[in-house]
């Protein structure tokens, strides 16, 4: 039996456990699992831009809110659309807005792009506070559907589709290779004929659309939204920290970071009733990861591809580089 067969067997067993989970755990555990899949999908969506393209975005809370408000507005009494229709509209709206915002801002680099996306998210937050259609600060109420199993499977399906799509597009296609080339050296990528602006824009739109989809599911799940709950800046902050903790630019890094952070958060909440101590512990953990595991928690796995490449390219620390004369011989 080869290692590939073992991995397939473990993956199949894990999938069976996840599919059967709602039928043998209580409602509290089921909500925690649903939250893990929510944040795993959001962190993966942010990782498309932040990890694979190398552009740090602080505006993803806006796309999350756009998806949530699309569900809240379109499923309300005024329009009465079903959830599937509201989901499609929210994803499409987020994609179009991301294209309009990304076209000028993706020409910026570094802190300038981060500040521009943060300003965009703040603008959307303030609009949601004053517009009548969003309910202002009073928020919106969605039609209640008290079926935890349904939302578990929606989040699970969304996370599986997100990671499957990212695996195909970012790890097994030319689009992913172009995106990584931009991250490693954008100027060199341009000299090779890559249309860097177009590739970055495609990644930004994809990331925004996925984020909006999870925003719509989240709004239907909690049945009530307001600007603070779906447009606050800490939503993006958590995506960033989860991707950083798990491993930027790795497919499974965001999932590891999301599961670790969310489980610890719920543990602190159940033991002490607040998350103040959790923030302190999280800060210490992030500092330790940055110092000792700069590639994230995913680097603890010995078969991490990026680490293998670095080891193959870099000389052994105890070996001396050959001289020019030795190389010529």
C-alpha atoms as a PDB file:
ATOM      1  CA  UNK A   1       0.000   0.000   0.000  1.00  0.00           C
ATOM      2  CA  UNK A   2       1.468   3.320  -1.081  1.00  0.00           C
ATOM      3  CA  UNK A   3       1.280   6.671   0.663  1.00  0.00           C
ATOM      4  CA  UNK A   4      -1.158   7.873  -2.020  1.00  0.00           C
ATOM      5  CA  UNK A   5      -3.585   5.070  -1.116  1.00  0.00           C
ATOM      6  CA  UNK A   6      -3.295   5.935   2.576  1.00  0.00           C
ATOM      7  CA  UNK A   7      -4.069   9.584   1.867  1.00  0.00           C
ATOM      8  CA  UNK A   8      -7.089   8.693  -0.233  1.00  0.00           C
ATOM      9  CA  UNK A   9      -8.361   6.390   2.493  1.00  0.00           C
ATOM     10  CA  UNK A  10      -7.921   9.037   5.183  1.00  0.00           C
ATOM     11  CA  UNK A  11      -9.623  11.658   2.986  1.00  0.00           C
ATOM     12  CA  UNK A  12     -12.587   9.339   2.365  1.00  0.00           C
ATOM     13  CA  UNK A  13     -12.884   8.507   6.066  1.00  0.00           C
ATOM     14  CA  UNK A  14     -12.751  12.197   6.965  1.00  0.00           C
ATOM     15  CA  UNK A  15     -15.443  13.010   4.411  1.00  0.00           C
ATOM     16  CA  UNK A  16     -17.714  10.300   5.793  1.00  0.00           C
ATOM     17  CA  UNK A  17     -17.248  11.649   9.322  1.00  0.00           C
ATOM     18  CA  UNK A  18     -18.113  15.182   8.204  1.00  0.00           C
ATOM     19  CA  UNK A  19     -21.203  14.032   6.309  1.00  0.00           C
ATOM     20  CA  UNK A  20     -22.475  12.036   9.266  1.00  0.00           C
ATOM     21  CA  UNK A  21     -21.551  14.589  11.948  1.00  0.00           C
ATOM     22  CA  UNK A  22     -24.999  16.269  12.234  1.00  0.00           C
ATOM     23  CA  UNK A  23     -26.615  12.943  13.092  1.00  0.00           C
ATOM     24  CA  UNK A  24     -24.546  12.072  16.177  1.00  0.00           C
ATOM     25  CA  UNK A  25     -23.519  15.376  17.831  1.00  0.00           C
ATOM     26  CA  UNK A  26     -25.566  17.909  19.777  1.00  0.00           C
ATOM     27  CA  UNK A  27     -26.633  21.324  18.478  1.00  0.00           C
ATOM     28  CA  UNK A  28     -23.796  23.195  20.230  1.00  0.00           C
ATOM     29  CA  UNK A  29     -21.060  21.087  18.622  1.00  0.00           C
ATOM     30  CA  UNK A  30     -22.846  21.358  15.293  1.00  0.00           C
ATOM     31  CA  UNK A  31     -22.829  25.168  15.461  1.00  0.00           C
ATOM     32  CA  UNK A  32     -19.116  25.154  16.254  1.00  0.00           C
ATOM     33  CA  UNK A  33     -18.459  22.914  13.235  1.00  0.00           C
ATOM     34  CA  UNK A  34     -20.584  25.214  11.067  1.00  0.00           C
ATOM     35  CA  UNK A  35     -18.567  28.214  12.250  1.00  0.00           C
ATOM     36  CA  UNK A  36     -15.282  26.454  11.467  1.00  0.00           C
ATOM     37  CA  UNK A  37     -16.351  25.823   7.873  1.00  0.00           C
ATOM     38  CA  UNK A  38     -17.518  29.431   7.568  1.00  0.00           C
ATOM     39  CA  UNK A  39     -14.169  30.857   8.633  1.00  0.00           C
ATOM     40  CA  UNK A  40     -12.174  28.232   6.754  1.00  0.00           C
ATOM     41  CA  UNK A  41     -13.921  29.310   3.555  1.00  0.00           C
ATOM     42  CA  UNK A  42     -13.456  33.017   4.285  1.00  0.00           C
ATOM     43  CA  UNK A  43      -9.771  32.609   5.123  1.00  0.00           C
ATOM     44  CA  UNK A  44      -9.251  30.610   1.926  1.00  0.00           C
ATOM     45  CA  UNK A  45     -10.984  33.337  -0.090  1.00  0.00           C
ATOM     46  CA  UNK A  46      -8.723  36.007   1.402  1.00  0.00           C
ATOM     47  CA  UNK A  47      -5.687  33.779   0.828  1.00  0.00           C
ATOM     48  CA  UNK A  48      -6.281  34.009  -2.946  1.00  0.00           C
ATOM     49  CA  UNK A  49      -5.336  37.687  -2.853  1.00  0.00           C
ATOM     50  CA  UNK A  50      -3.142  37.871   0.233  1.00  0.00           C
ATOM     51  CA  UNK A  51      -1.307  34.559  -0.003  1.00  0.00           C
ATOM     52  CA  UNK A  52      -1.153  33.689  -3.699  1.00  0.00           C
ATOM     53  CA  UNK A  53      -1.054  37.194  -5.196  1.00  0.00           C
ATOM     54  CA  UNK A  54       0.824  38.842  -2.339  1.00  0.00           C
ATOM     55  CA  UNK A  55      -1.580  41.811  -2.034  1.00  0.00           C
ATOM     56  CA  UNK A  56      -2.771  42.486   1.509  1.00  0.00           C
ATOM     57  CA  UNK A  57      -6.443  43.460   1.411  1.00  0.00           C
ATOM     58  CA  UNK A  58      -8.295  44.978   4.350  1.00  0.00           C
ATOM     59  CA  UNK A  59     -11.537  45.386   2.440  1.00  0.00           C
ATOM     60  CA  UNK A  60     -12.979  41.889   2.400  1.00  0.00           C
ATOM     61  CA  UNK A  61     -15.481  42.685   5.139  1.00  0.00           C
ATOM     62  CA  UNK A  62     -17.239  44.842   2.519  1.00  0.00           C
ATOM     63  CA  UNK A  63     -17.755  41.855   0.207  1.00  0.00           C
ATOM     64  CA  UNK A  64     -18.939  39.733   3.130  1.00  0.00           C
ATOM     65  CA  UNK A  65     -21.453  42.451   3.970  1.00  0.00           C
ATOM     66  CA  UNK A  66     -22.561  42.813   0.354  1.00  0.00           C
ATOM     67  CA  UNK A  67     -23.455  39.141   0.236  1.00  0.00           C
ATOM     68  CA  UNK A  68     -25.200  39.329   3.601  1.00  0.00           C
ATOM     69  CA  UNK A  69     -27.224  42.422   2.700  1.00  0.00           C
ATOM     70  CA  UNK A  70     -28.156  40.961  -0.681  1.00  0.00           C
ATOM     71  CA  UNK A  71     -29.714  38.040   1.172  1.00  0.00           C
ATOM     72  CA  UNK A  72     -31.324  40.301   3.763  1.00  0.00           C
ATOM     73  CA  UNK A  73     -32.842  42.720   1.256  1.00  0.00           C
ATOM     74  CA  UNK A  74     -33.917  40.288  -1.452  1.00  0.00           C
ATOM     75  CA  UNK A  75     -35.358  37.688   0.931  1.00  0.00           C
ATOM     76  CA  UNK A  76     -37.377  40.294   2.797  1.00  0.00           C
ATOM     77  CA  UNK A  77     -41.059  41.125   2.367  1.00  0.00           C
ATOM     78  CA  UNK A  78     -40.398  43.684  -0.358  1.00  0.00           C
ATOM     79  CA  UNK A  79     -38.857  41.247  -2.879  1.00  0.00           C
ATOM     80  CA  UNK A  80     -39.456  37.803  -1.429  1.00  0.00           C
ATOM     81  CA  UNK A  81     -36.779  36.012  -3.452  1.00  0.00           C
ATOM     82  CA  UNK A  82     -35.724  32.516  -2.411  1.00  0.00           C
ATOM     83  CA  UNK A  83     -32.301  32.064  -0.853  1.00  0.00           C
ATOM     84  CA  UNK A  84     -30.743  30.625  -4.027  1.00  0.00           C
ATOM     85  CA  UNK A  85     -31.704  33.701  -6.038  1.00  0.00           C
ATOM     86  CA  UNK A  86     -30.451  36.100  -3.361  1.00  0.00           C
ATOM     87  CA  UNK A  87     -27.194  34.160  -3.170  1.00  0.00           C
ATOM     88  CA  UNK A  88     -26.599  34.468  -6.919  1.00  0.00           C
ATOM     89  CA  UNK A  89     -27.377  38.191  -6.891  1.00  0.00           C
ATOM     90  CA  UNK A  90     -25.062  38.788  -3.926  1.00  0.00           C
ATOM     91  CA  UNK A  91     -22.173  36.909  -5.536  1.00  0.00           C
ATOM     92  CA  UNK A  92     -22.669  38.729  -8.842  1.00  0.00           C
ATOM     93  CA  UNK A  93     -22.897  42.127  -7.136  1.00  0.00           C
ATOM     94  CA  UNK A  94     -19.728  41.510  -5.148  1.00  0.00           C
ATOM     95  CA  UNK A  95     -17.896  40.388  -8.292  1.00  0.00           C
ATOM     96  CA  UNK A  96     -18.918  43.490 -10.249  1.00  0.00           C
ATOM     97  CA  UNK A  97     -18.016  45.859  -7.401  1.00  0.00           C
ATOM     98  CA  UNK A  98     -14.689  44.069  -6.902  1.00  0.00           C
ATOM     99  CA  UNK A  99     -13.902  44.557 -10.594  1.00  0.00           C
ATOM    100  CA  UNK A 100     -14.741  48.270 -10.393  1.00  0.00           C
ATOM    101  CA  UNK A 101     -12.721  48.782  -7.206  1.00  0.00           C
ATOM    102  CA  UNK A 102      -9.877  46.477  -8.158  1.00  0.00           C
ATOM    103  CA  UNK A 103      -9.176  48.017 -11.558  1.00  0.00           C
ATOM    104  CA  UNK A 104      -7.646  51.215 -10.111  1.00  0.00           C
ATOM    105  CA  UNK A 105      -6.504  49.940  -6.697  1.00  0.00           C
ATOM    106  CA  UNK A 106      -4.626  46.874  -7.946  1.00  0.00           C
ATOM    107  CA  UNK A 107      -2.252  49.226  -9.741  1.00  0.00           C
ATOM    108  CA  UNK A 108      -1.124  50.280  -6.274  1.00  0.00           C
ATOM    109  CA  UNK A 109       1.323  48.217  -4.258  1.00  0.00           C
ATOM    110  CA  UNK A 110       2.138  47.479  -0.657  1.00  0.00           C
ATOM    111  CA  UNK A 111       0.605  49.710   2.000  1.00  0.00           C
ATOM    112  CA  UNK A 112      -1.112  51.879  -0.605  1.00  0.00           C
ATOM    113  CA  UNK A 113      -3.288  48.985  -1.766  1.00  0.00           C
ATOM    114  CA  UNK A 114      -4.024  47.958   1.825  1.00  0.00           C
ATOM    115  CA  UNK A 115      -5.112  51.495   2.742  1.00  0.00           C
ATOM    116  CA  UNK A 116      -7.263  51.794  -0.392  1.00  0.00           C
ATOM    117  CA  UNK A 117      -9.150  48.568   0.369  1.00  0.00           C
ATOM    118  CA  UNK A 118      -9.581  49.580   4.015  1.00  0.00           C
ATOM    119  CA  UNK A 119     -11.074  52.917   2.898  1.00  0.00           C
ATOM    120  CA  UNK A 120     -13.466  51.077   0.583  1.00  0.00           C
ATOM    121  CA  UNK A 121     -14.661  48.841   3.425  1.00  0.00           C
ATOM    122  CA  UNK A 122     -15.209  51.866   5.674  1.00  0.00           C
ATOM    123  CA  UNK A 123     -17.189  53.573   2.917  1.00  0.00           C
ATOM    124  CA  UNK A 124     -19.504  50.563   2.555  1.00  0.00           C
ATOM    125  CA  UNK A 125     -19.934  50.415   6.350  1.00  0.00           C
ATOM    126  CA  UNK A 126     -20.970  54.058   6.537  1.00  0.00           C
ATOM    127  CA  UNK A 127     -23.370  53.661   3.608  1.00  0.00           C
ATOM    128  CA  UNK A 128     -25.043  50.718   5.322  1.00  0.00           C
ATOM    129  CA  UNK A 129     -25.497  52.874   8.422  1.00  0.00           C
ATOM    130  CA  UNK A 130     -27.449  55.601   6.588  1.00  0.00           C
ATOM    131  CA  UNK A 131     -29.250  53.926   3.678  1.00  0.00           C
ATOM    132  CA  UNK A 132     -32.911  53.128   4.186  1.00  0.00           C
ATOM    133  CA  UNK A 133     -32.813  49.949   2.099  1.00  0.00           C
ATOM    134  CA  UNK A 134     -30.244  48.387   4.468  1.00  0.00           C
ATOM    135  CA  UNK A 135     -32.292  49.229   7.535  1.00  0.00           C
ATOM    136  CA  UNK A 136     -29.629  51.593   8.817  1.00  0.00           C
ATOM    137  CA  UNK A 137     -28.298  50.870  12.273  1.00  0.00           C
ATOM    138  CA  UNK A 138     -31.512  48.967  13.095  1.00  0.00           C
ATOM    139  CA  UNK A 139     -30.547  46.218  10.658  1.00  0.00           C
ATOM    140  CA  UNK A 140     -32.596  43.662   8.757  1.00  0.00           C
ATOM    141  CA  UNK A 141     -34.409  40.499   9.750  1.00  0.00           C
ATOM    142  CA  UNK A 142     -34.408  37.478   7.445  1.00  0.00           C
ATOM    143  CA  UNK A 143     -37.041  34.739   7.304  1.00  0.00           C
ATOM    144  CA  UNK A 144     -36.132  32.343  10.132  1.00  0.00           C
ATOM    145  CA  UNK A 145     -35.205  28.784   9.264  1.00  0.00           C
ATOM    146  CA  UNK A 146     -34.326  26.810  12.376  1.00  0.00           C
ATOM    147  CA  UNK A 147     -32.550  23.919  10.726  1.00  0.00           C
ATOM    148  CA  UNK A 148     -28.968  23.638  11.965  1.00  0.00           C
ATOM    149  CA  UNK A 149     -28.291  20.622   9.782  1.00  0.00           C
ATOM    150  CA  UNK A 150     -29.137  22.541   6.609  1.00  0.00           C
ATOM    151  CA  UNK A 151     -26.757  25.379   7.437  1.00  0.00           C
ATOM    152  CA  UNK A 152     -24.054  22.905   8.427  1.00  0.00           C
ATOM    153  CA  UNK A 153     -24.275  21.259   5.024  1.00  0.00           C
ATOM    154  CA  UNK A 154     -24.404  24.650   3.276  1.00  0.00           C
ATOM    155  CA  UNK A 155     -21.212  25.760   5.012  1.00  0.00           C
ATOM    156  CA  UNK A 156     -19.571  22.388   4.457  1.00  0.00           C
ATOM    157  CA  UNK A 157     -20.506  22.425   0.773  1.00  0.00           C
ATOM    158  CA  UNK A 158     -19.301  26.006   0.404  1.00  0.00           C
ATOM    159  CA  UNK A 159     -15.965  25.198   2.031  1.00  0.00           C
ATOM    160  CA  UNK A 160     -15.460  22.042  -0.059  1.00  0.00           C
ATOM    161  CA  UNK A 161     -16.285  23.898  -3.281  1.00  0.00           C
ATOM    162  CA  UNK A 162     -13.985  26.773  -2.302  1.00  0.00           C
ATOM    163  CA  UNK A 163     -10.989  24.565  -1.577  1.00  0.00           C
ATOM    164  CA  UNK A 164     -11.663  22.386  -4.612  1.00  0.00           C
ATOM    165  CA  UNK A 165     -11.864  25.428  -6.869  1.00  0.00           C
ATOM    166  CA  UNK A 166      -8.711  26.914  -5.373  1.00  0.00           C
ATOM    167  CA  UNK A 167      -6.873  23.614  -5.797  1.00  0.00           C
ATOM    168  CA  UNK A 168      -7.758  23.464  -9.489  1.00  0.00           C
ATOM    169  CA  UNK A 169      -7.172  27.141 -10.272  1.00  0.00           C
ATOM    170  CA  UNK A 170      -4.229  27.942  -8.011  1.00  0.00           C
ATOM    171  CA  UNK A 171      -2.303  24.679  -7.756  1.00  0.00           C
ATOM    172  CA  UNK A 172      -2.981  22.959 -11.077  1.00  0.00           C
ATOM    173  CA  UNK A 173      -3.427  25.659 -13.708  1.00  0.00           C
ATOM    174  CA  UNK A 174      -1.490  28.347 -15.522  1.00  0.00           C
ATOM    175  CA  UNK A 175      -3.563  30.974 -13.758  1.00  0.00           C
ATOM    176  CA  UNK A 176      -2.126  29.849 -10.425  1.00  0.00           C
ATOM    177  CA  UNK A 177       1.430  29.854 -11.776  1.00  0.00           C
ATOM    178  CA  UNK A 178       0.959  33.380 -13.120  1.00  0.00           C
ATOM    179  CA  UNK A 179      -0.450  34.545  -9.804  1.00  0.00           C
ATOM    180  CA  UNK A 180       2.480  33.090  -7.876  1.00  0.00           C
ATOM    181  CA  UNK A 181       4.907  34.677 -10.328  1.00  0.00           C
ATOM    182  CA  UNK A 182       3.324  38.069  -9.617  1.00  0.00           C
ATOM    183  CA  UNK A 183       3.653  37.460  -5.890  1.00  0.00           C
ATOM    184  CA  UNK A 184       7.319  36.489  -6.117  1.00  0.00           C
ATOM    185  CA  UNK A 185       8.413  39.207  -8.557  1.00  0.00           C
ATOM    186  CA  UNK A 186       5.815  41.306 -10.330  1.00  0.00           C
ATOM    187  CA  UNK A 187       8.315  43.162 -12.512  1.00  0.00           C
ATOM    188  CA  UNK A 188       9.841  39.908 -13.709  1.00  0.00           C
ATOM    189  CA  UNK A 189       6.365  38.537 -14.407  1.00  0.00           C
ATOM    190  CA  UNK A 190       5.602  41.567 -16.582  1.00  0.00           C
ATOM    191  CA  UNK A 191       8.798  41.096 -18.562  1.00  0.00           C
ATOM    192  CA  UNK A 192       7.721  37.508 -19.278  1.00  0.00           C
ATOM    193  CA  UNK A 193       4.553  38.784 -20.934  1.00  0.00           C
ATOM    194  CA  UNK A 194       2.073  38.227 -18.083  1.00  0.00           C
ATOM    195  CA  UNK A 195      -0.751  40.744 -17.992  1.00  0.00           C
ATOM    196  CA  UNK A 196      -0.337  41.312 -14.261  1.00  0.00           C
ATOM    197  CA  UNK A 197      -3.242  43.726 -13.869  1.00  0.00           C
ATOM    198  CA  UNK A 198      -5.697  41.328 -15.510  1.00  0.00           C
ATOM    199  CA  UNK A 199      -4.504  38.320 -13.485  1.00  0.00           C
ATOM    200  CA  UNK A 200      -4.663  40.254 -10.203  1.00  0.00           C
ATOM    201  CA  UNK A 201      -8.130  41.538 -11.079  1.00  0.00           C
ATOM    202  CA  UNK A 202      -9.371  38.020 -11.804  1.00  0.00           C
ATOM    203  CA  UNK A 203      -8.028  36.817  -8.458  1.00  0.00           C
ATOM    204  CA  UNK A 204      -9.596  39.780  -6.640  1.00  0.00           C
ATOM    205  CA  UNK A 205     -13.013  39.177  -8.228  1.00  0.00           C
ATOM    206  CA  UNK A 206     -12.866  35.450  -7.438  1.00  0.00           C
ATOM    207  CA  UNK A 207     -11.924  36.172  -3.832  1.00  0.00           C
ATOM    208  CA  UNK A 208     -14.718  38.738  -3.458  1.00  0.00           C
ATOM    209  CA  UNK A 209     -17.355  36.437  -4.967  1.00  0.00           C
ATOM    210  CA  UNK A 210     -16.502  33.580  -2.600  1.00  0.00           C
ATOM    211  CA  UNK A 211     -16.542  35.929   0.383  1.00  0.00           C
ATOM    212  CA  UNK A 212     -19.976  37.261  -0.622  1.00  0.00           C
ATOM    213  CA  UNK A 213     -21.348  33.719  -0.930  1.00  0.00           C
ATOM    214  CA  UNK A 214     -20.379  32.952   2.654  1.00  0.00           C
ATOM    215  CA  UNK A 215     -21.812  36.304   3.725  1.00  0.00           C
ATOM    216  CA  UNK A 216     -25.189  35.367   2.245  1.00  0.00           C
ATOM    217  CA  UNK A 217     -25.197  31.957   3.945  1.00  0.00           C
ATOM    218  CA  UNK A 218     -24.180  33.557   7.246  1.00  0.00           C
ATOM    219  CA  UNK A 219     -27.002  36.110   7.072  1.00  0.00           C
ATOM    220  CA  UNK A 220     -29.602  33.388   6.450  1.00  0.00           C
ATOM    221  CA  UNK A 221     -28.096  31.354   9.278  1.00  0.00           C
ATOM    222  CA  UNK A 222     -28.256  34.023  12.008  1.00  0.00           C
ATOM    223  CA  UNK A 223     -31.528  35.580  10.627  1.00  0.00           C
ATOM    224  CA  UNK A 224     -30.589  39.140  11.689  1.00  0.00           C
ATOM    225  CA  UNK A 225     -27.868  41.458  10.382  1.00  0.00           C
ATOM    226  CA  UNK A 226     -26.755  45.033  10.964  1.00  0.00           C
ATOM    227  CA  UNK A 227     -23.676  46.980   9.807  1.00  0.00           C
ATOM    228  CA  UNK A 228     -21.680  46.011  12.888  1.00  0.00           C
ATOM    229  CA  UNK A 229     -22.297  42.276  12.507  1.00  0.00           C
ATOM    230  CA  UNK A 230     -21.434  41.886   8.806  1.00  0.00           C
ATOM    231  CA  UNK A 231     -19.301  44.912   7.863  1.00  0.00           C
ATOM    232  CA  UNK A 232     -17.024  45.432  10.869  1.00  0.00           C
ATOM    233  CA  UNK A 233     -13.303  45.544  10.224  1.00  0.00           C
ATOM    234  CA  UNK A 234     -12.573  42.662  12.584  1.00  0.00           C
ATOM    235  CA  UNK A 235     -14.127  40.279  10.033  1.00  0.00           C
ATOM    236  CA  UNK A 236     -11.269  40.984   7.634  1.00  0.00           C
ATOM    237  CA  UNK A 237      -8.794  40.969  10.529  1.00  0.00           C
ATOM    238  CA  UNK A 238      -9.795  37.422  11.417  1.00  0.00           C
ATOM    239  CA  UNK A 239      -9.406  36.274   7.808  1.00  0.00           C
ATOM    240  CA  UNK A 240      -5.898  37.751   7.726  1.00  0.00           C
ATOM    241  CA  UNK A 241      -4.812  36.260  11.041  1.00  0.00           C
ATOM    242  CA  UNK A 242      -6.235  32.820  10.213  1.00  0.00           C
ATOM    243  CA  UNK A 243      -4.412  32.703   6.880  1.00  0.00           C
ATOM    244  CA  UNK A 244      -1.209  33.990   8.482  1.00  0.00           C
ATOM    245  CA  UNK A 245      -1.406  31.530  11.366  1.00  0.00           C
ATOM    246  CA  UNK A 246      -2.094  28.551   9.116  1.00  0.00           C
ATOM    247  CA  UNK A 247       0.266  29.477   6.287  1.00  0.00           C
ATOM    248  CA  UNK A 248       0.037  32.171   3.626  1.00  0.00           C
ATOM    249  CA  UNK A 249       0.050  30.901   0.070  1.00  0.00           C
ATOM    250  CA  UNK A 250      -0.695  27.308   1.083  1.00  0.00           C
ATOM    251  CA  UNK A 251      -3.942  25.659   0.101  1.00  0.00           C
ATOM    252  CA  UNK A 252      -4.655  24.109   3.498  1.00  0.00           C
ATOM    253  CA  UNK A 253      -3.039  26.811   5.625  1.00  0.00           C
ATOM    254  CA  UNK A 254      -6.238  28.881   6.022  1.00  0.00           C
ATOM    255  CA  UNK A 255      -8.223  25.786   7.057  1.00  0.00           C
ATOM    256  CA  UNK A 256      -5.692  24.932   9.767  1.00  0.00           C
ATOM    257  CA  UNK A 257      -5.582  28.518  11.009  1.00  0.00           C
ATOM    258  CA  UNK A 258      -9.372  28.885  10.979  1.00  0.00           C
ATOM    259  CA  UNK A 259      -9.989  25.640  12.856  1.00  0.00           C
ATOM    260  CA  UNK A 260      -7.317  26.424  15.452  1.00  0.00           C
ATOM    261  CA  UNK A 261      -8.453  29.990  16.100  1.00  0.00           C
ATOM    262  CA  UNK A 262     -12.171  29.269  16.175  1.00  0.00           C
ATOM    263  CA  UNK A 263     -11.858  26.279  18.499  1.00  0.00           C
ATOM    264  CA  UNK A 264      -9.651  28.200  20.942  1.00  0.00           C
ATOM    265  CA  UNK A 265     -12.067  31.149  20.801  1.00  0.00           C
ATOM    266  CA  UNK A 266     -15.053  28.945  21.650  1.00  0.00           C
ATOM    267  CA  UNK A 267     -13.061  27.248  24.411  1.00  0.00           C
ATOM    268  CA  UNK A 268     -12.246  30.568  26.065  1.00  0.00           C
ATOM    269  CA  UNK A 269     -15.841  31.693  25.690  1.00  0.00           C
ATOM    270  CA  UNK A 270     -17.238  28.538  27.303  1.00  0.00           C
ATOM    271  CA  UNK A 271     -14.762  28.668  30.211  1.00  0.00           C
ATOM    272  CA  UNK A 272     -14.689  32.375  31.052  1.00  0.00           C
ATOM    273  CA  UNK A 273     -17.618  33.901  29.164  1.00  0.00           C
ATOM    274  CA  UNK A 274     -15.501  36.430  27.259  1.00  0.00           C
ATOM    275  CA  UNK A 275     -12.635  36.514  24.785  1.00  0.00           C
ATOM    276  CA  UNK A 276     -10.365  39.148  26.359  1.00  0.00           C
ATOM    277  CA  UNK A 277      -7.837  36.565  27.508  1.00  0.00           C
ATOM    278  CA  UNK A 278      -8.178  34.875  24.120  1.00  0.00           C
ATOM    279  CA  UNK A 279      -6.914  38.011  22.354  1.00  0.00           C
ATOM    280  CA  UNK A 280      -3.848  38.096  24.595  1.00  0.00           C
ATOM    281  CA  UNK A 281      -3.085  34.416  24.040  1.00  0.00           C
ATOM    282  CA  UNK A 282      -3.668  34.805  20.302  1.00  0.00           C
ATOM    283  CA  UNK A 283      -1.199  37.674  20.120  1.00  0.00           C
ATOM    284  CA  UNK A 284       1.468  35.592  21.866  1.00  0.00           C
ATOM    285  CA  UNK A 285       0.824  32.622  19.571  1.00  0.00           C
ATOM    286  CA  UNK A 286       1.042  34.758  16.432  1.00  0.00           C
ATOM    287  CA  UNK A 287       4.328  36.270  17.623  1.00  0.00           C
ATOM    288  CA  UNK A 288       5.753  32.795  18.226  1.00  0.00           C
ATOM    289  CA  UNK A 289       4.564  31.560  14.828  1.00  0.00           C
ATOM    290  CA  UNK A 290       6.112  34.546  13.049  1.00  0.00           C
ATOM    291  CA  UNK A 291       9.416  34.005  14.871  1.00  0.00           C
ATOM    292  CA  UNK A 292       9.732  30.231  14.690  1.00  0.00           C
ATOM    293  CA  UNK A 293       7.286  29.124  11.963  1.00  0.00           C
ATOM    294  CA  UNK A 294       7.283  31.934   9.383  1.00  0.00           C
ATOM    295  CA  UNK A 295       5.582  29.609   6.913  1.00  0.00           C
ATOM    296  CA  UNK A 296       2.694  29.032   9.332  1.00  0.00           C
ATOM    297  CA  UNK A 297       1.399  25.971  11.151  1.00  0.00           C
ATOM    298  CA  UNK A 298       1.238  24.086   7.869  1.00  0.00           C
ATOM    299  CA  UNK A 299       5.040  23.951   7.869  1.00  0.00           C
ATOM    300  CA  UNK A 300       4.867  21.462  10.757  1.00  0.00           C
ATOM    301  CA  UNK A 301       3.814  18.911   8.146  1.00  0.00           C
ATOM    302  CA  UNK A 302       7.120  17.522   6.773  1.00  0.00           C
ATOM    303  CA  UNK A 303       5.827  17.113   3.233  1.00  0.00           C
ATOM    304  CA  UNK A 304       4.948  20.774   2.739  1.00  0.00           C
ATOM    305  CA  UNK A 305       5.669  21.502  -0.913  1.00  0.00           C
ATOM    306  CA  UNK A 306       7.070  25.002  -0.491  1.00  0.00           C
ATOM    307  CA  UNK A 307       9.531  23.838   2.146  1.00  0.00           C
ATOM    308  CA  UNK A 308      10.639  21.013  -0.122  1.00  0.00           C
ATOM    309  CA  UNK A 309      11.324  23.484  -2.902  1.00  0.00           C
ATOM    310  CA  UNK A 310      13.298  25.769  -0.596  1.00  0.00           C
ATOM    311  CA  UNK A 311      15.383  22.889   0.667  1.00  0.00           C
ATOM    312  CA  UNK A 312      16.054  21.759  -2.891  1.00  0.00           C
ATOM    313  CA  UNK A 313      17.118  25.223  -4.018  1.00  0.00           C
ATOM    314  CA  UNK A 314      19.104  26.308  -0.976  1.00  0.00           C
ATOM    315  CA  UNK A 315      22.582  24.949  -0.172  1.00  0.00           C
ATOM    316  CA  UNK A 316      23.125  22.874   2.926  1.00  0.00           C
ATOM    317  CA  UNK A 317      24.191  25.160   5.763  1.00  0.00           C
ATOM    318  CA  UNK A 318      27.300  23.064   6.444  1.00  0.00           C
ATOM    319  CA  UNK A 319      28.350  22.911   2.818  1.00  0.00           C
ATOM    320  CA  UNK A 320      30.518  25.575   1.251  1.00  0.00           C
ATOM    321  CA  UNK A 321      29.687  26.974  -2.152  1.00  0.00           C
ATOM    322  CA  UNK A 322      32.065  25.807  -4.890  1.00  0.00           C
ATOM    323  CA  UNK A 323      34.539  28.310  -6.200  1.00  0.00           C
ATOM    324  CA  UNK A 324      34.385  29.632  -9.746  1.00  0.00           C
ATOM    325  CA  UNK A 325      37.312  27.433 -10.756  1.00  0.00           C
ATOM    326  CA  UNK A 326      35.589  24.353  -9.349  1.00  0.00           C
ATOM    327  CA  UNK A 327      32.404  25.191 -11.204  1.00  0.00           C
ATOM    328  CA  UNK A 328      34.323  25.569 -14.467  1.00  0.00           C
ATOM    329  CA  UNK A 329      35.946  22.178 -13.956  1.00  0.00           C
END
